[in-house]
N, C-alpha and C. Protein backbone atom coordinates (compact mmCIF):
# COMPACT_ATOMS: atom_id res chain seq x y z
N UNK A 1 29.86 -4.92 8.46
CA UNK A 1 29.34 -4.37 7.23
C UNK A 1 30.44 -3.88 6.30
N UNK A 2 31.55 -3.45 6.87
CA UNK A 2 32.62 -2.89 6.03
C UNK A 2 33.11 -3.84 4.95
N UNK A 3 33.31 -5.13 5.24
CA UNK A 3 33.71 -6.02 4.15
C UNK A 3 32.68 -6.08 3.02
N UNK A 4 31.40 -6.04 3.37
CA UNK A 4 30.35 -6.04 2.34
C UNK A 4 30.38 -4.75 1.52
N UNK A 5 30.55 -3.63 2.19
CA UNK A 5 30.61 -2.34 1.49
C UNK A 5 31.82 -2.32 0.55
N UNK A 6 32.94 -2.77 1.05
CA UNK A 6 34.15 -2.77 0.23
C UNK A 6 34.03 -3.74 -0.94
N UNK A 7 33.20 -4.77 -0.79
CA UNK A 7 32.95 -5.72 -1.87
C UNK A 7 31.99 -5.14 -2.91
N UNK A 8 31.24 -4.07 -2.53
CA UNK A 8 30.36 -3.41 -3.48
C UNK A 8 28.89 -3.40 -3.11
N UNK A 9 28.54 -4.01 -1.98
CA UNK A 9 27.14 -3.99 -1.56
C UNK A 9 26.78 -2.59 -1.07
N UNK A 10 25.61 -2.08 -1.47
CA UNK A 10 25.28 -0.69 -1.14
C UNK A 10 24.04 -0.51 -0.27
N UNK A 11 23.15 -1.48 -0.21
CA UNK A 11 21.88 -1.29 0.51
C UNK A 11 21.84 -2.16 1.77
N UNK A 12 21.51 -1.50 2.89
CA UNK A 12 21.45 -2.17 4.18
C UNK A 12 20.19 -1.74 4.91
N UNK A 13 19.63 -2.65 5.70
CA UNK A 13 18.42 -2.36 6.47
C UNK A 13 18.69 -2.35 7.96
N UNK A 14 17.92 -1.55 8.66
CA UNK A 14 17.96 -1.49 10.12
C UNK A 14 16.54 -1.43 10.65
N UNK A 15 16.36 -2.01 11.83
CA UNK A 15 15.05 -2.03 12.48
C UNK A 15 14.84 -0.88 13.45
N UNK A 16 15.92 -0.32 13.96
CA UNK A 16 15.82 0.68 15.03
C UNK A 16 16.61 1.93 14.67
N UNK A 17 15.99 3.07 14.88
CA UNK A 17 16.59 4.36 14.53
C UNK A 17 17.85 4.60 15.34
N UNK A 18 17.78 4.43 16.64
CA UNK A 18 18.94 4.72 17.51
C UNK A 18 20.13 3.85 17.14
N UNK A 19 19.87 2.58 16.89
CA UNK A 19 20.94 1.66 16.49
C UNK A 19 21.55 2.09 15.15
N UNK A 20 20.70 2.53 14.24
CA UNK A 20 21.20 2.99 12.93
C UNK A 20 22.08 4.22 13.08
N UNK A 21 21.68 5.15 13.92
CA UNK A 21 22.49 6.35 14.12
C UNK A 21 23.87 6.00 14.66
N UNK A 22 23.90 5.10 15.63
CA UNK A 22 25.17 4.68 16.23
C UNK A 22 26.05 3.96 15.23
N UNK A 23 25.46 3.05 14.47
CA UNK A 23 26.21 2.20 13.56
C UNK A 23 26.61 2.88 12.26
N UNK A 24 25.73 3.73 11.72
CA UNK A 24 25.88 4.16 10.34
C UNK A 24 26.29 5.61 10.10
N UNK A 25 26.20 6.47 11.10
CA UNK A 25 26.48 7.90 10.87
C UNK A 25 27.84 8.12 10.21
N UNK A 26 28.88 7.57 10.77
CA UNK A 26 30.23 7.75 10.20
C UNK A 26 30.40 6.99 8.89
N UNK A 27 29.85 5.80 8.82
CA UNK A 27 29.98 4.99 7.60
C UNK A 27 29.36 5.71 6.41
N UNK A 28 28.19 6.33 6.62
CA UNK A 28 27.51 7.01 5.50
C UNK A 28 28.27 8.25 5.05
N UNK A 29 29.04 8.85 5.93
CA UNK A 29 29.86 9.99 5.53
C UNK A 29 31.02 9.51 4.65
N UNK A 30 31.62 8.41 5.06
CA UNK A 30 32.78 7.88 4.34
C UNK A 30 32.38 7.20 3.02
N UNK A 31 31.26 6.50 3.02
CA UNK A 31 30.81 5.74 1.85
C UNK A 31 29.49 6.33 1.36
N UNK A 32 29.57 7.32 0.50
CA UNK A 32 28.38 8.05 0.03
C UNK A 32 27.40 7.17 -0.74
N UNK A 33 27.90 6.06 -1.31
CA UNK A 33 27.04 5.19 -2.11
C UNK A 33 26.11 4.32 -1.26
N UNK A 34 26.36 4.22 0.03
CA UNK A 34 25.54 3.37 0.90
C UNK A 34 24.15 3.96 1.07
N UNK A 35 23.15 3.12 0.88
CA UNK A 35 21.75 3.50 1.09
C UNK A 35 21.23 2.71 2.29
N UNK A 36 20.61 3.41 3.21
CA UNK A 36 20.12 2.79 4.44
C UNK A 36 18.59 2.75 4.43
N UNK A 37 18.06 1.58 4.72
CA UNK A 37 16.62 1.32 4.70
C UNK A 37 16.10 1.11 6.11
N UNK A 38 15.09 1.88 6.50
CA UNK A 38 14.40 1.65 7.78
C UNK A 38 13.35 0.59 7.50
N UNK A 39 13.54 -0.61 8.08
CA UNK A 39 12.61 -1.71 7.81
C UNK A 39 11.77 -2.07 9.03
N UNK A 40 12.03 -1.42 10.15
CA UNK A 40 11.24 -1.69 11.35
C UNK A 40 10.13 -0.67 11.51
N UNK A 41 9.33 -0.88 12.52
CA UNK A 41 8.25 0.05 12.87
C UNK A 41 8.87 1.39 13.24
N UNK A 42 8.38 2.45 12.64
CA UNK A 42 8.88 3.80 12.93
C UNK A 42 7.88 4.54 13.79
N UNK A 43 8.34 4.97 14.97
CA UNK A 43 7.49 5.76 15.86
C UNK A 43 7.64 7.23 15.48
N UNK A 44 6.56 7.97 15.59
CA UNK A 44 6.58 9.36 15.14
C UNK A 44 7.59 10.21 15.92
N UNK A 45 7.89 9.85 17.17
CA UNK A 45 8.86 10.63 17.93
C UNK A 45 10.31 10.38 17.48
N UNK A 46 10.53 9.42 16.58
CA UNK A 46 11.86 9.12 16.05
C UNK A 46 12.04 9.61 14.61
N UNK A 47 11.01 10.22 14.04
CA UNK A 47 11.03 10.61 12.63
C UNK A 47 12.15 11.61 12.33
N UNK A 48 12.35 12.59 13.20
CA UNK A 48 13.38 13.61 12.97
C UNK A 48 14.75 12.95 12.72
N UNK A 49 15.10 11.99 13.54
CA UNK A 49 16.38 11.29 13.41
C UNK A 49 16.37 10.34 12.22
N UNK A 50 15.24 9.68 12.00
CA UNK A 50 15.12 8.72 10.88
C UNK A 50 15.31 9.42 9.55
N UNK A 51 14.73 10.58 9.39
CA UNK A 51 14.82 11.32 8.13
C UNK A 51 16.28 11.70 7.84
N UNK A 52 17.04 11.97 8.88
CA UNK A 52 18.44 12.36 8.70
C UNK A 52 19.30 11.19 8.21
N UNK A 53 19.09 9.99 8.75
CA UNK A 53 20.02 8.89 8.48
C UNK A 53 19.55 7.94 7.36
N UNK A 54 18.23 7.78 7.20
CA UNK A 54 17.71 6.80 6.25
C UNK A 54 17.46 7.41 4.88
N UNK A 55 17.62 6.55 3.86
CA UNK A 55 17.31 6.92 2.48
C UNK A 55 15.95 6.37 2.07
N UNK A 56 15.54 5.28 2.72
CA UNK A 56 14.27 4.61 2.46
C UNK A 56 13.60 4.31 3.81
N UNK A 57 12.30 4.42 3.83
CA UNK A 57 11.51 3.96 4.98
C UNK A 57 10.46 3.00 4.43
N UNK A 58 10.51 1.76 4.91
CA UNK A 58 9.63 0.70 4.41
C UNK A 58 8.36 0.52 5.25
N UNK A 59 8.16 1.36 6.24
CA UNK A 59 7.08 1.09 7.20
C UNK A 59 6.14 2.28 7.41
N UNK A 60 5.80 2.96 6.34
CA UNK A 60 4.83 4.05 6.42
C UNK A 60 3.44 3.43 6.59
N UNK A 61 2.83 3.66 7.76
CA UNK A 61 1.61 2.93 8.07
C UNK A 61 0.46 3.74 8.65
N UNK A 62 0.59 5.10 8.71
CA UNK A 62 -0.52 5.90 9.20
C UNK A 62 -0.33 7.37 8.81
N UNK A 63 -1.40 8.12 8.86
CA UNK A 63 -1.39 9.53 8.43
C UNK A 63 -0.49 10.37 9.33
N UNK A 64 -0.56 10.18 10.63
CA UNK A 64 0.26 10.96 11.55
C UNK A 64 1.74 10.81 11.20
N UNK A 65 2.17 9.59 10.92
CA UNK A 65 3.55 9.34 10.55
C UNK A 65 3.88 9.99 9.21
N UNK A 66 2.98 9.90 8.25
CA UNK A 66 3.18 10.52 6.94
C UNK A 66 3.34 12.03 7.06
N UNK A 67 2.51 12.65 7.88
CA UNK A 67 2.59 14.11 8.09
C UNK A 67 3.92 14.49 8.73
N UNK A 68 4.34 13.72 9.69
CA UNK A 68 5.60 14.00 10.40
C UNK A 68 6.80 13.84 9.45
N UNK A 69 6.80 12.79 8.64
CA UNK A 69 7.87 12.60 7.67
C UNK A 69 7.90 13.77 6.68
N UNK A 70 6.74 14.17 6.21
CA UNK A 70 6.65 15.29 5.27
C UNK A 70 7.26 16.56 5.88
N UNK A 71 6.91 16.86 7.13
CA UNK A 71 7.43 18.05 7.80
C UNK A 71 8.95 18.00 7.97
N UNK A 72 9.44 16.86 8.44
CA UNK A 72 10.87 16.74 8.73
C UNK A 72 11.73 16.74 7.48
N UNK A 73 11.27 16.11 6.42
CA UNK A 73 12.12 16.11 5.22
C UNK A 73 12.13 17.47 4.55
N UNK A 74 11.06 18.24 4.70
CA UNK A 74 11.06 19.61 4.17
C UNK A 74 12.09 20.47 4.89
N UNK A 75 12.22 20.26 6.20
CA UNK A 75 13.16 21.04 7.00
C UNK A 75 14.60 20.88 6.53
N UNK A 76 14.95 19.69 6.05
CA UNK A 76 16.34 19.47 5.64
C UNK A 76 16.47 19.22 4.13
N UNK A 77 15.41 19.50 3.40
CA UNK A 77 15.41 19.35 1.93
C UNK A 77 15.88 17.97 1.49
N UNK A 78 15.27 16.96 2.05
CA UNK A 78 15.61 15.58 1.71
C UNK A 78 14.35 14.88 1.22
N UNK A 79 14.51 14.07 0.19
CA UNK A 79 13.38 13.36 -0.41
C UNK A 79 13.56 11.86 -0.18
N UNK A 80 13.01 11.38 0.91
CA UNK A 80 13.15 9.96 1.26
C UNK A 80 12.20 9.13 0.40
N UNK A 81 12.66 7.95 0.03
CA UNK A 81 11.81 7.01 -0.72
C UNK A 81 11.03 6.18 0.30
N UNK A 82 9.72 6.14 0.10
CA UNK A 82 8.83 5.53 1.09
C UNK A 82 8.06 4.34 0.53
N UNK A 83 7.83 3.39 1.40
CA UNK A 83 6.99 2.23 1.11
C UNK A 83 5.81 2.27 2.06
N UNK A 84 4.62 2.08 1.52
CA UNK A 84 3.43 1.95 2.37
C UNK A 84 3.37 0.51 2.85
N UNK A 85 3.32 0.36 4.17
CA UNK A 85 3.20 -0.98 4.74
C UNK A 85 1.73 -1.41 4.68
N UNK A 86 1.49 -2.54 4.04
CA UNK A 86 0.15 -3.08 3.89
C UNK A 86 -0.02 -4.25 4.86
N UNK A 87 -1.07 -4.20 5.65
CA UNK A 87 -1.37 -5.30 6.57
C UNK A 87 -2.13 -6.36 5.76
N UNK A 88 -1.39 -7.11 4.99
CA UNK A 88 -1.97 -8.03 4.01
C UNK A 88 -2.72 -9.19 4.65
N UNK A 89 -2.32 -9.57 5.86
CA UNK A 89 -2.97 -10.69 6.55
C UNK A 89 -4.04 -10.27 7.54
N UNK A 90 -4.35 -8.97 7.59
CA UNK A 90 -5.34 -8.43 8.52
C UNK A 90 -5.05 -8.85 9.96
N UNK A 91 -3.78 -8.84 10.32
CA UNK A 91 -3.38 -9.24 11.66
C UNK A 91 -3.40 -8.04 12.61
N UNK A 92 -4.08 -8.19 13.73
CA UNK A 92 -4.22 -7.09 14.67
C UNK A 92 -2.89 -6.68 15.29
N UNK A 93 -1.98 -7.62 15.47
CA UNK A 93 -0.70 -7.31 16.11
C UNK A 93 0.29 -6.64 15.16
N UNK A 94 -0.04 -6.57 13.88
CA UNK A 94 0.86 -5.96 12.90
C UNK A 94 0.33 -4.61 12.44
N UNK A 95 1.27 -3.75 12.13
CA UNK A 95 0.93 -2.43 11.59
C UNK A 95 0.64 -2.55 10.11
N UNK A 96 0.13 -1.49 9.56
CA UNK A 96 -0.08 -1.45 8.12
C UNK A 96 -1.47 -0.97 7.77
N UNK A 97 -1.58 -0.56 6.52
CA UNK A 97 -2.84 -0.09 5.97
C UNK A 97 -3.60 -1.31 5.44
N UNK A 98 -4.88 -1.38 5.73
CA UNK A 98 -5.72 -2.47 5.21
C UNK A 98 -5.89 -2.28 3.70
N UNK A 99 -5.99 -3.39 2.96
CA UNK A 99 -6.10 -3.33 1.50
C UNK A 99 -7.14 -2.33 0.98
N UNK A 100 -8.38 -2.33 1.52
CA UNK A 100 -9.38 -1.40 0.97
C UNK A 100 -9.02 0.08 1.15
N UNK A 101 -8.11 0.38 2.07
CA UNK A 101 -7.75 1.77 2.36
C UNK A 101 -6.48 2.24 1.63
N UNK A 102 -5.79 1.33 0.96
CA UNK A 102 -4.48 1.64 0.39
C UNK A 102 -4.54 2.78 -0.62
N UNK A 103 -5.46 2.74 -1.56
CA UNK A 103 -5.50 3.77 -2.62
C UNK A 103 -5.73 5.16 -2.03
N UNK A 104 -6.65 5.28 -1.09
CA UNK A 104 -6.93 6.56 -0.46
C UNK A 104 -5.71 7.06 0.30
N UNK A 105 -5.07 6.18 1.06
CA UNK A 105 -3.87 6.55 1.81
C UNK A 105 -2.75 6.99 0.87
N UNK A 106 -2.55 6.26 -0.21
CA UNK A 106 -1.53 6.60 -1.20
C UNK A 106 -1.80 7.99 -1.79
N UNK A 107 -3.05 8.26 -2.14
CA UNK A 107 -3.40 9.57 -2.71
C UNK A 107 -3.10 10.71 -1.74
N UNK A 108 -3.42 10.51 -0.47
CA UNK A 108 -3.13 11.54 0.54
C UNK A 108 -1.62 11.76 0.63
N UNK A 109 -0.88 10.66 0.69
CA UNK A 109 0.58 10.76 0.81
C UNK A 109 1.20 11.47 -0.38
N UNK A 110 0.78 11.11 -1.57
CA UNK A 110 1.40 11.68 -2.79
C UNK A 110 0.86 13.07 -3.10
N UNK A 111 -0.45 13.22 -3.10
CA UNK A 111 -1.06 14.47 -3.55
C UNK A 111 -1.05 15.56 -2.48
N UNK A 112 -1.46 15.22 -1.27
CA UNK A 112 -1.56 16.23 -0.22
C UNK A 112 -0.22 16.50 0.47
N UNK A 113 0.51 15.44 0.77
CA UNK A 113 1.76 15.58 1.54
C UNK A 113 3.01 15.61 0.66
N UNK A 114 2.83 15.36 -0.64
CA UNK A 114 3.94 15.38 -1.61
C UNK A 114 5.07 14.43 -1.22
N UNK A 115 4.72 13.26 -0.73
CA UNK A 115 5.71 12.26 -0.34
C UNK A 115 6.10 11.41 -1.54
N UNK A 116 7.31 10.93 -1.54
CA UNK A 116 7.85 10.11 -2.62
C UNK A 116 7.59 8.63 -2.30
N UNK A 117 6.37 8.19 -2.52
CA UNK A 117 6.01 6.80 -2.28
C UNK A 117 6.43 6.00 -3.51
N UNK A 118 7.37 5.06 -3.30
CA UNK A 118 7.93 4.29 -4.41
C UNK A 118 7.41 2.86 -4.46
N UNK A 119 6.74 2.41 -3.39
CA UNK A 119 6.29 1.03 -3.39
C UNK A 119 5.48 0.64 -2.17
N UNK A 120 5.23 -0.66 -2.11
CA UNK A 120 4.49 -1.26 -1.00
C UNK A 120 5.38 -2.26 -0.28
N UNK A 121 5.12 -2.46 1.00
CA UNK A 121 5.82 -3.44 1.80
C UNK A 121 4.79 -4.26 2.57
N UNK A 122 5.07 -5.53 2.74
CA UNK A 122 4.22 -6.36 3.58
C UNK A 122 5.04 -7.40 4.32
N UNK A 123 4.50 -7.84 5.43
CA UNK A 123 5.03 -8.98 6.18
C UNK A 123 3.83 -9.90 6.36
N UNK A 124 3.76 -10.98 5.59
CA UNK A 124 2.59 -11.86 5.69
C UNK A 124 2.58 -12.63 7.01
N UNK A 125 1.44 -13.20 7.35
CA UNK A 125 1.37 -14.03 8.55
C UNK A 125 2.41 -15.15 8.49
N UNK A 126 2.85 -15.55 9.64
CA UNK A 126 3.87 -16.60 9.73
C UNK A 126 3.20 -17.97 9.61
N UNK A 127 2.77 -18.29 8.40
CA UNK A 127 2.16 -19.59 8.14
C UNK A 127 2.65 -20.08 6.79
N UNK A 128 2.08 -21.11 6.28
CA UNK A 128 2.55 -21.68 5.01
C UNK A 128 1.78 -21.15 3.80
N UNK A 129 1.10 -20.01 3.94
CA UNK A 129 0.26 -19.50 2.85
C UNK A 129 0.84 -18.22 2.24
N UNK A 130 2.15 -18.08 2.25
CA UNK A 130 2.72 -16.81 1.75
C UNK A 130 2.37 -16.57 0.29
N UNK A 131 2.19 -17.63 -0.50
CA UNK A 131 1.78 -17.46 -1.91
C UNK A 131 0.53 -16.60 -2.01
N UNK A 132 -0.44 -16.88 -1.17
CA UNK A 132 -1.72 -16.16 -1.19
C UNK A 132 -1.50 -14.67 -0.93
N UNK A 133 -0.68 -14.34 0.05
CA UNK A 133 -0.47 -12.94 0.42
C UNK A 133 0.41 -12.22 -0.60
N UNK A 134 1.46 -12.89 -1.07
CA UNK A 134 2.33 -12.28 -2.07
C UNK A 134 1.58 -12.08 -3.38
N UNK A 135 0.69 -12.98 -3.71
CA UNK A 135 -0.12 -12.83 -4.91
C UNK A 135 -1.02 -11.59 -4.81
N UNK A 136 -1.60 -11.36 -3.64
CA UNK A 136 -2.43 -10.17 -3.42
C UNK A 136 -1.61 -8.90 -3.57
N UNK A 137 -0.38 -8.93 -3.04
CA UNK A 137 0.49 -7.76 -3.16
C UNK A 137 0.89 -7.51 -4.61
N UNK A 138 1.18 -8.57 -5.32
CA UNK A 138 1.53 -8.44 -6.74
C UNK A 138 0.35 -7.84 -7.51
N UNK A 139 -0.85 -8.31 -7.22
CA UNK A 139 -2.06 -7.78 -7.88
C UNK A 139 -2.23 -6.29 -7.56
N UNK A 140 -2.08 -5.93 -6.28
CA UNK A 140 -2.19 -4.53 -5.88
C UNK A 140 -1.17 -3.68 -6.63
N UNK A 141 0.06 -4.14 -6.67
CA UNK A 141 1.09 -3.35 -7.33
C UNK A 141 0.90 -3.28 -8.84
N UNK A 142 0.42 -4.36 -9.44
CA UNK A 142 0.12 -4.33 -10.88
C UNK A 142 -0.99 -3.32 -11.19
N UNK A 143 -1.94 -3.20 -10.28
CA UNK A 143 -3.05 -2.27 -10.46
C UNK A 143 -2.61 -0.82 -10.29
N UNK A 144 -1.79 -0.55 -9.28
CA UNK A 144 -1.40 0.82 -8.96
C UNK A 144 -0.11 1.24 -9.68
N UNK A 145 0.73 0.28 -9.98
CA UNK A 145 1.95 0.50 -10.76
C UNK A 145 3.00 1.38 -10.08
N UNK A 146 3.36 1.02 -8.87
CA UNK A 146 4.51 1.64 -8.23
C UNK A 146 5.76 0.85 -8.64
N UNK A 147 6.93 1.43 -8.45
CA UNK A 147 8.16 0.80 -8.93
C UNK A 147 8.66 -0.36 -8.08
N UNK A 148 8.40 -0.31 -6.79
CA UNK A 148 9.02 -1.26 -5.86
C UNK A 148 8.00 -2.08 -5.08
N UNK A 149 8.43 -3.27 -4.70
CA UNK A 149 7.63 -4.16 -3.87
C UNK A 149 8.57 -4.82 -2.88
N UNK A 150 8.47 -4.42 -1.62
CA UNK A 150 9.36 -4.90 -0.56
C UNK A 150 8.65 -6.00 0.21
N UNK A 151 9.07 -7.23 -0.03
CA UNK A 151 8.46 -8.35 0.69
C UNK A 151 9.38 -9.56 0.60
N UNK A 152 9.30 -10.38 1.60
CA UNK A 152 10.14 -11.56 1.67
C UNK A 152 11.30 -11.35 2.63
N UNK A 153 11.50 -12.34 3.48
CA UNK A 153 12.60 -12.31 4.44
C UNK A 153 13.41 -13.59 4.28
N UNK A 154 14.35 -13.79 5.17
CA UNK A 154 15.28 -14.90 5.04
C UNK A 154 14.60 -16.25 4.83
N UNK A 155 13.44 -16.44 5.43
CA UNK A 155 12.77 -17.75 5.34
C UNK A 155 11.90 -17.92 4.10
N UNK A 156 11.56 -16.82 3.39
CA UNK A 156 10.63 -16.97 2.26
C UNK A 156 10.93 -16.02 1.09
N UNK A 157 12.13 -15.49 1.03
CA UNK A 157 12.44 -14.50 0.01
C UNK A 157 12.32 -15.04 -1.41
N UNK A 158 12.64 -16.33 -1.60
CA UNK A 158 12.54 -16.89 -2.95
C UNK A 158 11.09 -16.91 -3.44
N UNK A 159 10.19 -17.19 -2.53
CA UNK A 159 8.77 -17.16 -2.86
C UNK A 159 8.32 -15.74 -3.19
N UNK A 160 8.79 -14.77 -2.41
CA UNK A 160 8.43 -13.36 -2.66
C UNK A 160 8.92 -12.90 -4.03
N UNK A 161 10.11 -13.33 -4.42
CA UNK A 161 10.66 -12.94 -5.72
C UNK A 161 9.77 -13.46 -6.85
N UNK A 162 9.20 -14.66 -6.69
CA UNK A 162 8.28 -15.20 -7.70
C UNK A 162 7.09 -14.28 -7.93
N UNK A 163 6.71 -13.53 -6.90
CA UNK A 163 5.55 -12.65 -6.99
C UNK A 163 5.93 -11.18 -7.18
N UNK A 164 7.14 -10.94 -7.63
CA UNK A 164 7.51 -9.59 -8.04
C UNK A 164 8.25 -8.75 -7.02
N UNK A 165 8.72 -9.32 -5.93
CA UNK A 165 9.47 -8.54 -4.95
C UNK A 165 10.70 -7.93 -5.63
N UNK A 166 10.90 -6.64 -5.42
CA UNK A 166 12.08 -5.96 -5.93
C UNK A 166 13.09 -5.71 -4.82
N UNK A 167 12.62 -5.80 -3.59
CA UNK A 167 13.50 -5.67 -2.42
C UNK A 167 13.13 -6.76 -1.43
N UNK A 168 14.15 -7.44 -0.93
CA UNK A 168 13.94 -8.50 0.05
C UNK A 168 14.80 -8.19 1.27
N UNK A 169 14.41 -8.79 2.42
CA UNK A 169 15.11 -8.54 3.67
C UNK A 169 15.69 -9.88 4.16
N UNK A 170 16.98 -10.06 3.96
CA UNK A 170 17.61 -11.35 4.27
C UNK A 170 18.73 -11.21 5.31
N UNK A 171 18.54 -10.36 6.28
CA UNK A 171 19.57 -10.10 7.28
C UNK A 171 20.04 -11.33 8.04
N UNK A 172 19.12 -12.15 8.52
CA UNK A 172 19.55 -13.29 9.33
C UNK A 172 20.27 -14.34 8.49
N UNK A 173 19.99 -14.42 7.19
CA UNK A 173 20.72 -15.34 6.31
C UNK A 173 22.17 -14.89 6.15
N UNK A 174 22.41 -13.60 6.23
CA UNK A 174 23.75 -13.05 6.02
C UNK A 174 24.48 -12.88 7.35
N UNK A 175 23.82 -12.23 8.31
CA UNK A 175 24.47 -11.86 9.56
C UNK A 175 24.17 -12.78 10.73
N UNK A 176 23.25 -13.73 10.55
CA UNK A 176 22.83 -14.61 11.64
C UNK A 176 21.71 -13.98 12.45
N UNK A 177 21.18 -14.74 13.37
CA UNK A 177 20.07 -14.26 14.20
C UNK A 177 20.56 -13.20 15.18
N UNK A 178 19.67 -12.26 15.49
CA UNK A 178 19.98 -11.21 16.47
C UNK A 178 19.96 -11.80 17.87
N UNK A 179 20.76 -11.20 18.76
CA UNK A 179 20.75 -11.64 20.17
C UNK A 179 19.52 -11.11 20.86
């Protein structure tokens, strides 16, 4: 990552809290401009550590997690930027808020818990219909008008950009596949 940081790249994503702590704690002290994004599933027992190291969390997907993030960021006076993960494909194996519940969940997060929700995130089903899912996300975001839309990965990021993605996740295109 150091060559990328020295070249001027500032935003990086991680899937695991423990790995991020090991990899990024010293780097973030030395390079204050680096912003770290939690893009994997966040378990509530890891929130305390996640709030310390991450600047963004892209996987806010339930009330318990929202409450825990709210509590932990108040303790250290940090305002993390959050994305609500939407289960756009209604897949049982994936986390996320179902479309009909998004507005209510957003209101609880912003109004009751005072969370800084900046956008939505989705991971569509792994099929050839990403246009359909990205179009739904674009419609949702146009209706609610949040600033960010996190969608698209190495295999379909160009398609996501067509539908308004402001943040994409292209780790394997840059760093190669994980072991």
